[in-house]
N, C-alpha and C. Protein backbone atom coordinates (compact mmCIF):
# COMPACT_ATOMS: atom_id res chain seq x y z
N UNK A 1 35.45 75.88 -25.14
CA UNK A 1 34.21 76.15 -26.05
C UNK A 1 34.75 76.89 -27.37
N UNK A 2 33.96 76.12 -28.18
CA UNK A 2 34.08 76.70 -29.55
C UNK A 2 33.46 78.11 -29.52
N UNK A 3 34.07 79.04 -30.33
CA UNK A 3 33.87 80.49 -30.52
C UNK A 3 32.65 80.26 -31.88
N UNK A 4 31.75 80.33 -31.99
CA UNK A 4 30.64 80.44 -33.20
C UNK A 4 30.66 81.96 -33.59
N UNK A 5 30.55 81.69 -34.82
CA UNK A 5 30.57 83.66 -35.27
C UNK A 5 29.14 84.23 -35.17
N UNK A 6 28.44 83.26 -34.74
CA UNK A 6 26.95 83.90 -34.36
C UNK A 6 26.59 83.92 -32.70
N UNK A 7 26.73 85.29 -32.27
CA UNK A 7 26.75 85.23 -30.72
C UNK A 7 25.21 86.07 -29.95
N UNK A 8 25.26 87.12 -30.81
CA UNK A 8 24.11 88.12 -30.42
C UNK A 8 22.70 87.65 -30.99
N UNK A 9 21.75 87.72 -30.27
CA UNK A 9 20.64 87.24 -30.98
C UNK A 9 19.49 88.26 -30.51
N UNK A 10 19.87 89.56 -31.08
CA UNK A 10 19.13 90.81 -30.65
C UNK A 10 17.76 90.71 -31.40
N UNK A 11 16.88 91.38 -29.82
CA UNK A 11 15.14 91.23 -30.09
C UNK A 11 15.03 92.50 -31.32
N UNK A 12 14.39 92.24 -32.21
CA UNK A 12 13.85 93.63 -33.09
C UNK A 12 12.48 93.09 -33.44
N UNK A 13 11.98 94.23 -33.78
CA UNK A 13 10.72 94.18 -34.67
C UNK A 13 10.80 93.37 -35.89
N UNK A 14 9.97 92.08 -35.67
CA UNK A 14 10.32 90.92 -37.03
C UNK A 14 9.08 91.74 -38.03
N UNK A 15 9.92 90.89 -39.61
CA UNK A 15 9.07 91.04 -40.86
C UNK A 15 9.10 89.66 -40.97
N UNK A 16 7.31 89.39 -41.17
CA UNK A 16 6.92 87.90 -41.44
C UNK A 16 7.74 87.55 -43.08
N UNK A 17 8.45 86.24 -42.73
CA UNK A 17 8.95 85.83 -43.93
C UNK A 17 8.94 84.20 -44.03
N UNK A 18 8.10 83.63 -45.15
CA UNK A 18 8.08 82.42 -45.47
C UNK A 18 8.86 81.85 -46.35
N UNK A 19 9.62 80.72 -45.77
CA UNK A 19 10.71 80.24 -46.88
C UNK A 19 10.79 78.45 -46.71
N UNK A 20 11.08 77.88 -47.66
CA UNK A 20 11.29 76.53 -47.29
C UNK A 20 12.83 76.14 -47.39
N UNK A 21 13.21 75.24 -46.30
CA UNK A 21 14.62 74.68 -46.57
C UNK A 21 14.44 73.48 -46.34
N UNK A 22 15.67 72.79 -46.98
CA UNK A 22 15.77 71.22 -46.95
C UNK A 22 15.66 70.60 -45.50
N UNK A 23 15.52 69.38 -45.39
CA UNK A 23 15.48 68.83 -44.00
C UNK A 23 17.31 68.64 -43.73
N UNK A 24 17.82 68.76 -44.46
CA UNK A 24 19.38 68.52 -43.78
C UNK A 24 19.63 70.12 -43.41
N UNK A 25 19.31 70.86 -43.93
CA UNK A 25 19.60 71.85 -43.65
C UNK A 25 19.06 72.55 -42.23
N UNK A 26 17.66 71.92 -42.00
CA UNK A 26 16.97 71.97 -40.91
C UNK A 26 17.71 71.39 -39.75
N UNK A 27 18.29 70.06 -39.89
CA UNK A 27 18.94 69.66 -38.89
C UNK A 27 20.04 70.32 -38.71
N UNK A 28 20.82 70.66 -39.35
CA UNK A 28 22.16 71.62 -39.28
C UNK A 28 22.05 72.55 -38.33
N UNK A 29 20.72 73.16 -38.82
CA UNK A 29 20.45 74.61 -37.96
C UNK A 29 20.22 74.12 -36.74
N UNK A 30 19.15 73.08 -36.67
CA UNK A 30 19.21 72.66 -34.97
C UNK A 30 20.07 72.16 -34.23
N UNK A 31 21.42 71.61 -34.81
CA UNK A 31 22.57 71.34 -34.31
C UNK A 31 23.48 72.47 -33.92
N UNK A 32 23.02 73.52 -34.94
CA UNK A 32 23.97 74.83 -34.54
C UNK A 32 23.38 75.70 -33.43
N UNK A 33 22.05 75.43 -33.28
CA UNK A 33 21.24 76.03 -31.98
C UNK A 33 21.33 75.41 -31.09
N UNK A 34 21.83 74.03 -30.78
CA UNK A 34 22.34 73.35 -30.02
C UNK A 34 23.47 73.85 -29.32
N UNK A 35 24.69 74.11 -30.35
CA UNK A 35 25.99 74.20 -30.08
C UNK A 35 25.92 75.68 -29.74
N UNK A 36 25.06 76.82 -30.10
CA UNK A 36 25.15 78.11 -29.69
C UNK A 36 24.53 78.36 -27.97
N UNK A 37 23.80 77.12 -27.78
CA UNK A 37 23.36 76.95 -26.34
C UNK A 37 24.08 75.91 -25.33
N UNK A 38 25.37 75.80 -25.94
CA UNK A 38 26.48 75.12 -25.09
C UNK A 38 26.11 73.50 -24.78
N UNK A 39 25.19 73.33 -26.04
CA UNK A 39 24.80 71.79 -26.16
C UNK A 39 23.66 71.52 -25.47
N UNK A 40 22.98 72.35 -24.49
CA UNK A 40 22.01 72.28 -23.54
C UNK A 40 20.78 72.71 -24.28
N UNK A 41 19.78 71.63 -24.52
CA UNK A 41 18.50 71.63 -25.31
C UNK A 41 17.45 72.71 -25.10
N UNK A 42 17.76 72.64 -23.59
CA UNK A 42 16.71 73.49 -22.83
C UNK A 42 17.35 75.21 -22.84
N UNK A 43 16.28 76.02 -23.59
CA UNK A 43 16.76 77.02 -23.69
C UNK A 43 17.78 77.65 -25.01
N UNK A 44 17.75 76.48 -26.03
CA UNK A 44 18.11 76.67 -27.22
C UNK A 44 17.16 77.49 -28.05
N UNK A 45 18.08 78.44 -28.99
CA UNK A 45 17.13 79.28 -29.76
C UNK A 45 16.74 78.29 -30.63
N UNK A 46 15.52 79.07 -31.12
CA UNK A 46 14.55 78.06 -32.12
C UNK A 46 15.38 78.35 -33.71
N UNK A 47 15.28 77.42 -34.59
CA UNK A 47 15.83 77.91 -35.87
C UNK A 47 15.25 78.91 -36.36
N UNK A 48 14.23 79.51 -36.85
CA UNK A 48 13.50 80.70 -36.58
C UNK A 48 14.49 81.74 -36.49
N UNK A 49 14.74 81.75 -35.15
CA UNK A 49 14.98 82.77 -34.31
C UNK A 49 16.58 82.48 -34.89
N UNK A 50 17.34 81.90 -35.18
CA UNK A 50 18.65 81.60 -35.55
C UNK A 50 19.07 82.31 -37.11
N UNK A 51 17.93 82.00 -38.04
CA UNK A 51 18.27 82.26 -39.38
C UNK A 51 18.33 84.00 -39.79
N UNK A 52 17.43 84.84 -38.97
CA UNK A 52 17.84 86.50 -39.57
C UNK A 52 19.29 86.80 -39.23
N UNK A 53 19.70 86.42 -37.60
CA UNK A 53 21.30 86.74 -37.46
C UNK A 53 22.35 86.30 -38.06
N UNK A 54 22.10 84.75 -38.90
CA UNK A 54 22.80 84.08 -39.48
C UNK A 54 23.19 85.25 -40.78
N UNK A 55 21.82 85.31 -41.57
CA UNK A 55 21.81 85.96 -42.98
C UNK A 55 22.53 87.51 -42.32
N UNK A 56 22.37 88.29 -41.60
CA UNK A 56 22.83 89.44 -41.23
C UNK A 56 24.22 89.44 -41.20
N UNK A 57 24.96 88.02 -40.67
CA UNK A 57 26.20 88.28 -40.22
C UNK A 57 26.74 87.84 -41.49
N UNK A 58 26.50 86.95 -42.44
CA UNK A 58 26.73 86.57 -43.99
C UNK A 58 26.79 87.93 -44.72
N UNK A 59 25.70 88.83 -44.79
CA UNK A 59 25.50 89.74 -45.44
C UNK A 59 26.76 90.70 -45.17
N UNK A 60 26.91 91.13 -43.73
CA UNK A 60 28.01 92.23 -43.14
C UNK A 60 29.33 91.79 -43.57
N UNK A 61 29.65 90.92 -43.57
CA UNK A 61 31.01 89.88 -43.99
C UNK A 61 31.16 89.33 -45.20
N UNK A 62 30.12 89.90 -46.31
CA UNK A 62 30.69 89.70 -47.74
C UNK A 62 31.06 90.86 -48.30
N UNK A 63 32.53 90.77 -48.62
CA UNK A 63 33.30 91.93 -49.21
C UNK A 63 32.87 92.23 -50.29
N UNK A 64 32.41 91.13 -51.48
CA UNK A 64 32.18 91.52 -53.04
C UNK A 64 30.52 92.18 -52.52
N UNK A 65 29.88 91.91 -51.97
CA UNK A 65 28.41 92.84 -51.87
C UNK A 65 28.60 94.28 -51.19
N UNK A 66 29.70 94.21 -50.18
CA UNK A 66 29.75 95.68 -49.64
C UNK A 66 30.28 96.38 -50.78
N UNK A 67 31.14 95.89 -51.80
CA UNK A 67 31.73 96.79 -52.69
C UNK A 67 30.49 96.87 -53.45
N UNK A 68 29.85 95.88 -54.13
CA UNK A 68 28.99 96.12 -55.12
C UNK A 68 27.84 97.29 -54.35
N UNK A 69 27.39 96.99 -53.12
CA UNK A 69 26.44 98.31 -52.54
C UNK A 69 27.16 99.40 -52.67
N UNK A 70 28.35 99.58 -52.73
CA UNK A 70 28.95 101.28 -52.48
C UNK A 70 28.82 101.65 -53.59
N UNK A 71 29.32 100.78 -54.97
CA UNK A 71 29.53 101.27 -56.16
C UNK A 71 28.05 101.46 -56.74
N UNK A 72 27.33 100.83 -56.27
CA UNK A 72 25.61 101.30 -56.51
C UNK A 72 24.88 102.47 -56.25
N UNK A 73 25.61 102.68 -54.56
CA UNK A 73 25.22 103.99 -54.02
C UNK A 73 26.11 105.25 -54.56
N UNK A 74 27.00 105.17 -55.20
CA UNK A 74 27.77 106.14 -55.66
C UNK A 74 27.92 106.34 -56.90
N UNK A 75 27.43 105.64 -57.67
CA UNK A 75 27.31 105.26 -58.94
C UNK A 75 25.90 106.12 -59.35
């Protein structure tokens, strides 16, 4: 099975956010949700549940952002 970057979908208190995404991105996120669940649509996470951990993963692995954040905090 393919190892995906997103594995842990921890439950946390949510903050409501409304955004619009393209239909293509929605299809890709739906396909990703199926992949996270091993291809089984039953029990696959919703797109809404996928987006927050994907963004968190993106931010924590962005070296440029990490450097900028450190320079802002120490500056």
